[in-house]
Amino acid sequence: MSQSKPAAPSESDVLYPGWPVVMAAFFGVMSGYSVLIPYTFGLFLKPIGVEFGWRRDQISVAFGCVAITVALCAPIMGRLFDRFGPRRTILPCIVLFSLTFSSLSLLTRSLVHFYVVFVILGLFGNGTTQLAYSRSVSTWFFKRRGTALSLVAAGAGVGAMLIPLLTAWLLQKYGWRTTYELLGLLILGISFPLTAFFVRDSDETLVSQATSPDKQSLLIPISSRPFWLLILAIFLYSISFNGVISHLAPLLTDRRFSLSTAAQSLSVLGGCGLIGRVVTGYLLDRFFAPRVSLVLFCSTVAGIFFLSSRSISSVLLSVALIGFAAGGESDITPYLLSRYFSLQSFATLYGFAWTAYATGTMIGPILMGRLYTLTGAYQSWGIQLLALPALISAFLMILMPRYPSPGIAHNAYPSAGSVPQPAMSDS
């Protein structure tokens, strides 16, 4: 008598082989570019400025260099993920990004040297972000894809809680050069082995059906109103968010708060970002996503206004609001791309979104640094000025149309086993 073959574990089963991929992606994002650069840059700003005599706006240009490089490379990197698969692209990026970050310990007095290192970080930074890992995770999940992707994004929230505290402790104990070196090695020690052992696509035939890019499918989204509204909203929001967090540490220490308090504020921002990811994932299943995004953008505006106050309670409320909104927005971008467009060119489209975000990342910190240089302080009106781009982003979300019906070609999931979702009203 023949024995029946045991049923393969489902996506809800803890033994399902896709969950180790999610775990590796979680830790990869936690120690990657999207945490290490924005959440530690401000902590290094003062000690580097003191040692080399550089102005803050000059140092902030490095943030712009890495941001614009990431912006230019994101669509190309997304195309590589779609064409060759994530692991073969991610592993070299991890090695080169981590070694380049460690090389900041060897900085000279040349600003050009400083800028060139950050350009190189931008070249490989995309390969250590949610953009890099999301495509591989998506090949394993259909019914629980949203949950899986939100857990990947949660890695950035956990990293934003832990990495600033670790960085501040290392700075106080060993100085900025050793801190750069150790953080770079930390990336290599965590991300590389986990990615090498666990990050892989599911069945190759399924992957090619679900995600292989096709020129015709790409032309539809980049010529549509939802795509450009989303791209512009991401760009403007990034100016506000990154302009604030890149200067948060020096802003607080200028107000006579300690370095530890500044690092704790960044950790609160990261912790609230983690909560924002979880809560937003829950809301996206129940409400029209652009309306959820509208609330998050308005939370950012409110948070920036509270930051102009000099009391510690207002500062904590500010970073809580900004962090919660930032965490939620990291969920909404891939969600909206999957609801309005097909998965055939998901990584490439996500790359364009990263370009918009990274371009805003370049402008925000430089704008904040320039305002500081012109006025000699972080003036309240200058801080509040950074709320304007996020406010415009909120207005753009009001203009987003309803989701296409499942039968419309550019929203159809082409892969076998995917679950079409009914159109959701905008109420």
Protein backbone atom coordinates (compact mmCIF):
# COMPACT_ATOMS: atom_id res chain seq x y z
CA MET A 1 0.00 0.00 0.00
CA SER A 2 1.47 3.33 -1.06
CA GLN A 3 1.95 6.02 1.51
CA SER A 4 0.67 9.50 0.82
CA LYS A 5 3.31 12.20 0.56
CA PRO A 6 3.30 14.63 3.52
CA ALA A 7 1.71 17.97 2.66
CA ALA A 8 4.15 20.82 2.14
CA PRO A 9 4.01 23.46 4.88
CA SER A 10 1.78 26.43 4.12
CA GLU A 11 2.75 30.09 4.39
CA SER A 12 1.15 30.22 7.84
CA ASP A 13 3.34 27.36 9.08
CA VAL A 14 6.47 28.32 11.04
CA LEU A 15 8.32 25.59 9.11
CA TYR A 16 7.51 27.18 5.75
CA PRO A 17 10.87 27.70 3.96
CA GLY A 18 10.09 31.33 3.14
CA TRP A 19 10.33 32.45 6.78
CA PRO A 20 14.13 31.98 7.06
CA VAL A 21 14.38 34.26 4.00
CA VAL A 22 12.33 36.86 5.88
CA MET A 23 14.55 36.45 8.95
CA ALA A 24 17.73 37.00 6.95
CA ALA A 25 16.18 39.99 5.19
CA PHE A 26 15.14 41.46 8.56
CA PHE A 27 18.71 41.44 9.85
CA GLY A 28 20.11 42.54 6.50
CA VAL A 29 17.92 45.65 6.49
CA MET A 30 18.57 46.23 10.20
CA SER A 31 22.30 46.66 9.58
CA GLY A 32 22.15 48.14 6.07
CA TYR A 33 22.27 51.54 4.41
CA SER A 34 18.77 52.68 5.36
CA VAL A 35 19.70 52.52 9.07
CA LEU A 36 23.45 53.05 9.18
CA ILE A 37 23.65 56.23 7.09
CA PRO A 38 20.65 58.36 8.18
CA TYR A 39 20.56 57.27 11.84
CA THR A 40 24.28 57.68 12.60
CA PHE A 41 25.31 60.57 10.32
CA GLY A 42 24.30 63.26 12.81
CA LEU A 43 26.20 61.56 15.66
CA PHE A 44 29.47 61.86 13.70
CA LEU A 45 28.78 65.42 12.54
CA LYS A 46 30.20 67.26 15.57
CA PRO A 47 33.34 65.18 16.28
CA ILE A 48 34.38 65.25 12.62
CA GLY A 49 33.70 68.98 12.39
CA VAL A 50 35.77 69.65 15.51
CA GLU A 51 38.74 67.56 14.33
CA PHE A 52 38.92 68.89 10.78
CA GLY A 53 37.39 72.37 11.21
CA TRP A 54 34.65 71.64 8.66
CA ARG A 55 31.36 73.57 8.72
CA ARG A 56 28.13 71.64 9.17
CA ASP A 57 26.82 72.50 5.75
CA GLN A 58 30.09 71.21 4.26
CA ILE A 59 29.74 67.92 6.14
CA SER A 60 26.07 67.69 5.14
CA VAL A 61 27.10 67.66 1.48
CA ALA A 62 28.39 64.11 2.09
CA PHE A 63 24.85 63.08 3.02
CA GLY A 64 23.74 64.60 -0.25
CA CYS A 65 26.45 62.74 -2.15
CA VAL A 66 25.36 59.35 -0.87
CA ALA A 67 21.71 60.22 -1.41
CA ILE A 68 22.03 61.34 -5.03
CA THR A 69 24.19 58.30 -5.84
CA VAL A 70 21.57 56.00 -4.35
CA ALA A 71 18.93 57.91 -6.29
CA LEU A 72 20.71 57.45 -9.62
CA CYS A 73 21.55 53.79 -9.01
CA ALA A 74 18.23 52.57 -7.56
CA PRO A 75 16.41 51.83 -10.87
CA ILE A 76 19.52 50.16 -12.27
CA MET A 77 19.89 48.04 -9.13
CA GLY A 78 16.20 47.16 -9.25
CA ARG A 79 16.64 46.00 -12.83
CA LEU A 80 19.56 43.79 -11.73
CA PHE A 81 17.38 42.25 -9.02
CA ASP A 82 14.64 41.52 -11.57
CA ARG A 83 17.10 40.10 -14.09
CA PHE A 84 19.64 38.14 -12.02
CA GLY A 85 17.93 37.56 -8.67
CA PRO A 86 18.73 39.22 -5.35
CA ARG A 87 21.43 37.08 -3.74
CA ARG A 88 23.95 37.34 -6.56
CA THR A 89 23.56 41.13 -6.39
CA ILE A 90 23.24 41.59 -2.62
CA LEU A 91 26.37 39.71 -1.49
CA PRO A 92 28.93 41.81 -3.41
CA CYS A 93 27.10 44.97 -2.31
CA ILE A 94 27.33 43.96 1.36
CA VAL A 95 31.08 43.37 1.16
CA LEU A 96 31.85 46.61 -0.70
CA PHE A 97 29.46 48.74 1.37
CA SER A 98 30.80 47.48 4.72
CA LEU A 99 34.47 47.83 3.79
CA THR A 100 33.85 51.33 2.43
CA PHE A 101 32.07 52.36 5.62
CA SER A 102 34.98 51.05 7.71
CA SER A 103 37.38 53.04 5.53
CA LEU A 104 35.89 56.26 6.96
CA SER A 105 38.18 55.56 9.93
CA LEU A 106 41.04 56.59 7.63
CA LEU A 107 39.62 60.02 6.74
CA THR A 108 42.05 62.83 5.95
CA ARG A 109 41.47 66.60 6.06
CA SER A 110 40.37 66.55 2.42
CA LEU A 111 36.65 67.17 1.99
CA VAL A 112 36.92 65.58 -1.47
CA HIS A 113 38.10 62.35 0.21
CA PHE A 114 35.07 62.48 2.51
CA TYR A 115 32.65 63.05 -0.38
CA VAL A 116 34.16 60.32 -2.57
CA VAL A 117 33.74 57.72 0.19
CA PHE A 118 30.05 58.63 0.52
CA VAL A 119 29.58 58.40 -3.24
CA ILE A 120 30.99 54.85 -3.12
CA LEU A 121 28.65 54.05 -0.23
CA GLY A 122 25.78 55.21 -2.43
CA LEU A 123 26.86 52.95 -5.30
CA PHE A 124 26.40 49.82 -3.21
CA GLY A 125 23.94 51.02 -0.56
CA ASN A 126 20.82 49.93 -2.45
CA GLY A 127 22.04 46.35 -2.25
CA THR A 128 21.65 46.39 1.56
CA THR A 129 18.13 47.87 1.79
CA GLN A 130 14.51 46.74 1.76
CA LEU A 131 14.59 47.25 -2.01
CA ALA A 132 17.20 44.50 -2.26
CA TYR A 133 15.42 41.91 -0.14
CA SER A 134 11.75 42.57 -0.96
CA ARG A 135 11.83 40.89 -4.36
CA SER A 136 13.23 37.61 -2.99
CA VAL A 137 10.71 37.58 -0.14
CA SER A 138 7.88 38.27 -2.62
CA THR A 139 8.69 35.10 -4.57
CA TRP A 140 7.95 32.99 -1.49
CA PHE A 141 4.68 34.60 -0.39
CA PHE A 142 1.31 35.31 -1.96
CA LYS A 143 -1.39 35.05 0.70
CA ARG A 144 0.89 36.44 3.42
CA ARG A 145 3.08 38.68 1.29
CA GLY A 146 2.03 41.82 3.15
CA THR A 147 2.97 40.33 6.52
CA ALA A 148 6.30 39.10 5.20
CA LEU A 149 7.21 42.46 3.66
CA SER A 150 6.22 44.33 6.81
CA LEU A 151 8.58 42.11 8.84
CA VAL A 152 11.40 42.94 6.43
CA ALA A 153 10.65 46.65 6.87
CA ALA A 154 10.57 46.15 10.64
CA GLY A 155 14.28 45.40 10.48
CA ALA A 156 14.90 49.09 9.79
CA GLY A 157 12.81 50.02 12.84
CA VAL A 158 14.75 47.73 15.15
CA GLY A 159 18.04 48.92 13.68
CA ALA A 160 17.01 52.55 14.18
CA MET A 161 16.41 51.77 17.86
CA LEU A 162 19.68 49.93 18.48
CA ILE A 163 22.32 51.33 16.11
CA PRO A 164 22.25 54.97 17.38
CA LEU A 165 22.68 53.79 20.99
CA LEU A 166 25.53 51.49 19.97
CA THR A 167 27.12 54.29 17.93
CA ALA A 168 26.92 56.81 20.79
CA TRP A 169 28.46 54.28 23.21
CA LEU A 170 31.30 53.49 20.80
CA LEU A 171 31.94 57.20 20.15
CA GLN A 172 32.25 57.95 23.84
CA LYS A 173 34.45 54.92 24.53
CA TYR A 174 36.66 54.66 21.43
CA GLY A 175 36.28 57.84 19.35
CA TRP A 176 34.87 58.36 15.87
CA ARG A 177 37.58 56.57 13.84
CA THR A 178 37.29 53.25 15.67
CA THR A 179 33.50 53.58 15.66
CA TYR A 180 33.42 53.84 11.88
CA GLU A 181 35.65 50.78 11.60
CA LEU A 182 33.65 48.63 14.02
CA LEU A 183 30.26 49.53 12.52
CA GLY A 184 31.48 48.59 9.04
CA LEU A 185 32.68 45.20 10.28
CA LEU A 186 29.36 44.71 12.08
CA ILE A 187 27.50 44.95 8.76
CA LEU A 188 29.75 42.32 7.23
CA GLY A 189 29.47 39.99 10.21
CA ILE A 190 25.67 40.08 10.39
CA SER A 191 24.40 40.54 6.85
CA PHE A 192 26.80 38.48 4.75
CA PRO A 193 26.43 35.03 6.37
CA LEU A 194 22.66 35.31 6.79
CA THR A 195 22.17 36.41 3.19
CA ALA A 196 24.56 33.76 1.87
CA PHE A 197 22.82 30.91 3.72
CA PHE A 198 19.16 31.89 3.62
CA VAL A 199 18.28 34.47 0.95
CA ARG A 200 17.17 32.70 -2.21
CA ASP A 201 14.26 32.77 -4.61
CA SER A 202 11.59 30.10 -4.66
CA ASP A 203 10.93 27.97 -7.74
CA GLU A 204 12.75 29.58 -10.68
CA THR A 205 9.88 28.98 -13.09
CA LEU A 206 7.50 30.72 -10.74
CA VAL A 207 9.93 33.60 -10.31
CA SER A 208 10.25 34.13 -14.04
CA GLN A 209 6.46 34.14 -14.44
CA ALA A 210 5.85 36.44 -11.51
CA THR A 211 8.62 38.97 -11.73
CA SER A 212 10.50 38.94 -15.04
CA PRO A 213 10.48 42.52 -16.34
CA ASP A 214 8.83 43.36 -19.60
CA LYS A 215 9.10 46.68 -21.35
CA GLN A 216 5.39 46.97 -22.09
CA SER A 217 4.43 46.38 -18.45
CA LEU A 218 6.88 49.09 -17.38
CA LEU A 219 5.54 51.69 -19.80
CA ILE A 220 2.06 51.57 -18.25
CA PRO A 221 2.96 52.62 -14.68
CA ILE A 222 5.53 55.28 -15.54
CA SER A 223 3.00 57.08 -17.73
CA SER A 224 0.14 56.94 -15.21
CA ARG A 225 -1.15 59.55 -12.77
CA PRO A 226 -0.92 57.33 -9.64
CA PHE A 227 2.75 56.64 -10.33
CA TRP A 228 3.75 60.30 -10.62
CA LEU A 229 1.63 61.40 -7.66
CA LEU A 230 3.30 58.71 -5.55
CA ILE A 231 6.80 59.56 -6.77
CA LEU A 232 6.35 63.30 -6.11
CA ALA A 233 4.85 62.66 -2.66
CA ILE A 234 7.76 60.40 -1.69
CA PHE A 235 10.28 62.98 -2.91
CA LEU A 236 8.75 65.87 -0.95
CA TYR A 237 8.23 63.82 2.20
CA SER A 238 11.87 62.72 2.10
CA ILE A 239 13.04 66.35 2.12
CA SER A 240 11.14 66.97 5.35
CA PHE A 241 12.01 63.72 7.10
CA ASN A 242 15.71 63.50 6.26
CA GLY A 243 16.29 67.21 6.74
CA VAL A 244 15.15 66.77 10.33
CA ILE A 245 16.76 63.46 11.35
CA SER A 246 20.17 64.20 9.79
CA HIS A 247 20.52 67.26 12.07
CA LEU A 248 18.57 66.00 15.08
CA ALA A 249 21.63 65.11 17.17
CA PRO A 250 23.50 68.43 16.73
CA LEU A 251 20.21 70.34 17.08
CA LEU A 252 19.62 68.77 20.50
CA THR A 253 23.21 69.08 21.73
CA ASP A 254 23.21 72.75 20.69
CA ARG A 255 20.26 73.13 23.06
CA ARG A 256 22.45 71.71 25.87
CA PHE A 257 21.00 68.21 25.77
CA SER A 258 23.63 65.48 26.18
CA LEU A 259 24.87 63.22 23.39
CA SER A 260 23.18 60.29 25.16
CA THR A 261 19.87 62.17 25.10
CA ALA A 262 20.31 62.83 21.38
CA ALA A 263 21.02 59.14 20.75
CA GLN A 264 18.02 58.14 22.87
CA SER A 265 15.83 60.50 20.83
CA LEU A 266 16.98 58.77 17.64
CA SER A 267 16.16 55.44 19.26
CA VAL A 268 12.68 56.67 20.19
CA LEU A 269 12.27 57.74 16.58
CA GLY A 270 13.28 54.24 15.46
CA GLY A 271 11.08 52.51 18.03
CA CYS A 272 8.04 54.51 17.00
CA GLY A 273 8.92 53.71 13.39
CA LEU A 274 8.71 50.02 14.26
CA ILE A 275 5.27 50.56 15.83
CA GLY A 276 4.25 52.58 12.77
CA ARG A 277 5.15 49.68 10.48
CA VAL A 278 3.00 47.22 12.43
CA VAL A 279 0.01 49.53 12.88
CA THR A 280 0.09 50.72 9.27
CA GLY A 281 0.18 47.14 8.00
CA TYR A 282 -3.02 46.50 9.98
CA LEU A 283 -4.67 49.67 8.64
CA LEU A 284 -3.78 48.96 5.00
CA ASP A 285 -5.97 45.85 5.06
CA ARG A 286 -8.95 47.91 6.20
CA PHE A 287 -8.69 51.42 4.74
CA PHE A 288 -7.79 53.08 1.44
CA ALA A 289 -3.98 53.37 1.55
CA PRO A 290 -3.68 56.99 0.25
CA ARG A 291 -5.93 58.09 3.13
CA VAL A 292 -3.68 56.27 5.59
CA SER A 293 -0.70 57.98 3.98
CA LEU A 294 -2.46 61.37 4.29
CA VAL A 295 -2.66 60.90 8.07
CA LEU A 296 1.00 59.87 8.26
CA PHE A 297 2.18 62.90 6.28
CA CYS A 298 0.16 65.19 8.55
CA SER A 299 1.75 63.48 11.58
CA THR A 300 5.15 64.37 10.16
CA VAL A 301 4.08 68.01 9.77
CA ALA A 302 2.88 68.12 13.38
CA GLY A 303 6.07 66.45 14.61
CA ILE A 304 8.31 69.00 12.88
CA PHE A 305 6.37 71.86 14.46
CA PHE A 306 6.75 70.32 17.94
CA LEU A 307 10.52 70.03 17.34
CA SER A 308 10.80 73.82 17.30
CA SER A 309 10.02 73.76 21.04
CA ARG A 310 12.93 73.53 23.49
CA SER A 311 11.33 71.25 26.11
CA ILE A 312 12.32 67.59 26.27
CA SER A 313 8.67 66.49 26.34
CA SER A 314 7.96 68.33 23.08
CA VAL A 315 11.09 66.86 21.51
CA LEU A 316 10.05 63.32 22.47
CA LEU A 317 6.53 63.90 21.14
CA SER A 318 8.06 65.27 17.95
CA VAL A 319 10.33 62.30 17.29
CA ALA A 320 7.51 59.90 18.20
CA LEU A 321 5.19 61.43 15.58
CA ILE A 322 7.91 61.67 12.93
CA GLY A 323 9.15 58.14 13.61
CA PHE A 324 5.67 56.60 13.56
CA ALA A 325 4.92 58.27 10.23
CA ALA A 326 8.27 57.23 8.73
CA GLY A 327 7.71 53.61 9.69
CA GLY A 328 4.24 53.60 8.17
CA GLU A 329 5.40 55.18 4.92
CA SER A 330 7.96 52.41 4.42
CA ASP A 331 5.02 49.96 4.30
CA ILE A 332 2.79 52.08 2.10
CA THR A 333 5.17 52.59 -0.84
CA PRO A 334 5.54 48.90 -1.84
CA TYR A 335 1.88 48.30 -0.98
CA LEU A 336 0.67 51.03 -3.34
CA LEU A 337 2.97 49.80 -6.11
CA SER A 338 1.47 46.31 -5.77
CA ARG A 339 -2.12 47.61 -5.72
CA TYR A 340 -1.91 49.95 -8.71
CA PHE A 341 0.54 47.95 -10.88
CA SER A 342 1.62 44.39 -11.62
CA LEU A 343 4.56 42.53 -10.04
CA GLN A 344 6.32 41.98 -13.36
CA SER A 345 8.66 44.93 -12.80
CA PHE A 346 8.20 45.35 -9.05
CA ALA A 347 11.88 45.83 -8.16
CA THR A 348 12.42 48.26 -11.05
CA LEU A 349 9.40 50.36 -10.05
CA TYR A 350 10.49 50.22 -6.43
CA GLY A 351 13.87 51.45 -7.66
CA PHE A 352 12.25 54.56 -9.13
CA ALA A 353 10.53 55.15 -5.79
CA TRP A 354 13.90 54.87 -4.06
CA THR A 355 15.29 57.39 -6.54
CA ALA A 356 12.60 59.88 -5.54
CA TYR A 357 13.20 59.25 -1.84
CA ALA A 358 16.98 59.43 -2.13
CA THR A 359 16.82 62.68 -4.11
CA GLY A 360 14.82 64.21 -1.28
CA THR A 361 17.35 62.75 1.14
CA MET A 362 20.04 64.74 -0.65
CA ILE A 363 18.15 68.04 -0.53
CA GLY A 364 16.77 67.99 3.03
CA PRO A 365 20.03 67.77 5.03
CA ILE A 366 21.81 70.30 2.80
CA LEU A 367 18.88 72.71 3.16
CA MET A 368 18.95 72.34 6.95
CA GLY A 369 22.73 72.76 7.04
CA ARG A 370 22.55 75.85 4.85
CA LEU A 371 19.91 77.43 7.08
CA TYR A 372 22.14 76.78 10.08
CA THR A 373 25.15 78.36 8.39
CA LEU A 374 23.20 81.46 7.34
CA THR A 375 21.62 82.07 10.74
CA GLY A 376 24.23 80.57 13.09
CA ALA A 377 21.63 78.42 14.86
CA TYR A 378 18.72 76.06 14.30
CA GLN A 379 16.01 78.73 14.18
CA SER A 380 12.40 77.72 14.88
CA TRP A 381 11.19 79.20 11.58
CA GLY A 382 13.85 77.22 9.70
CA ILE A 383 12.75 73.97 11.32
CA GLN A 384 9.10 74.73 10.55
CA LEU A 385 9.98 75.49 6.93
CA LEU A 386 10.84 71.80 6.53
CA ALA A 387 7.24 70.89 7.31
CA LEU A 388 6.01 72.43 4.02
CA PRO A 389 7.13 69.61 1.65
CA ALA A 390 5.43 66.98 3.83
CA LEU A 391 2.26 69.09 3.85
CA ILE A 392 2.23 69.15 0.03
CA SER A 393 2.71 65.35 0.04
CA ALA A 394 -0.42 65.03 2.17
CA PHE A 395 -2.38 67.06 -0.41
CA LEU A 396 -1.11 64.82 -3.24
CA MET A 397 -2.54 61.77 -1.48
CA ILE A 398 -6.00 63.33 -1.73
CA LEU A 399 -5.61 63.26 -5.54
CA MET A 400 -4.83 59.53 -5.75
CA PRO A 401 -7.52 57.58 -7.69
CA ARG A 402 -9.20 54.37 -6.56
CA TYR A 403 -7.40 51.09 -7.06
CA PRO A 404 -7.91 49.50 -10.49
CA SER A 405 -10.31 46.58 -10.67
CA PRO A 406 -8.66 43.14 -10.62
CA GLY A 407 -9.46 42.60 -14.29
CA ILE A 408 -7.47 45.61 -15.49
CA ALA A 409 -4.25 44.40 -17.07
CA HIS A 410 -1.73 46.55 -15.26
CA ASN A 411 -3.03 45.47 -11.86
CA ALA A 412 -3.34 41.78 -12.58
CA TYR A 413 -0.99 39.37 -10.83
CA PRO A 414 0.51 37.27 -13.62
CA SER A 415 1.78 34.42 -11.46
CA ALA A 416 0.09 31.15 -10.66
CA GLY A 417 -1.02 30.89 -7.08
CA SER A 418 -1.41 34.60 -6.49
CA VAL A 419 -4.58 35.79 -4.90
CA PRO A 420 -6.42 38.61 -6.71
CA GLN A 421 -7.75 41.18 -4.30
CA PRO A 422 -11.00 43.03 -4.78
CA ALA A 423 -10.95 46.72 -5.46
CA MET A 424 -11.14 48.74 -2.27
CA SER A 425 -13.19 51.89 -1.98
CA ASP A 426 -11.61 55.13 -0.96
CA SER A 427 -13.76 55.43 2.10
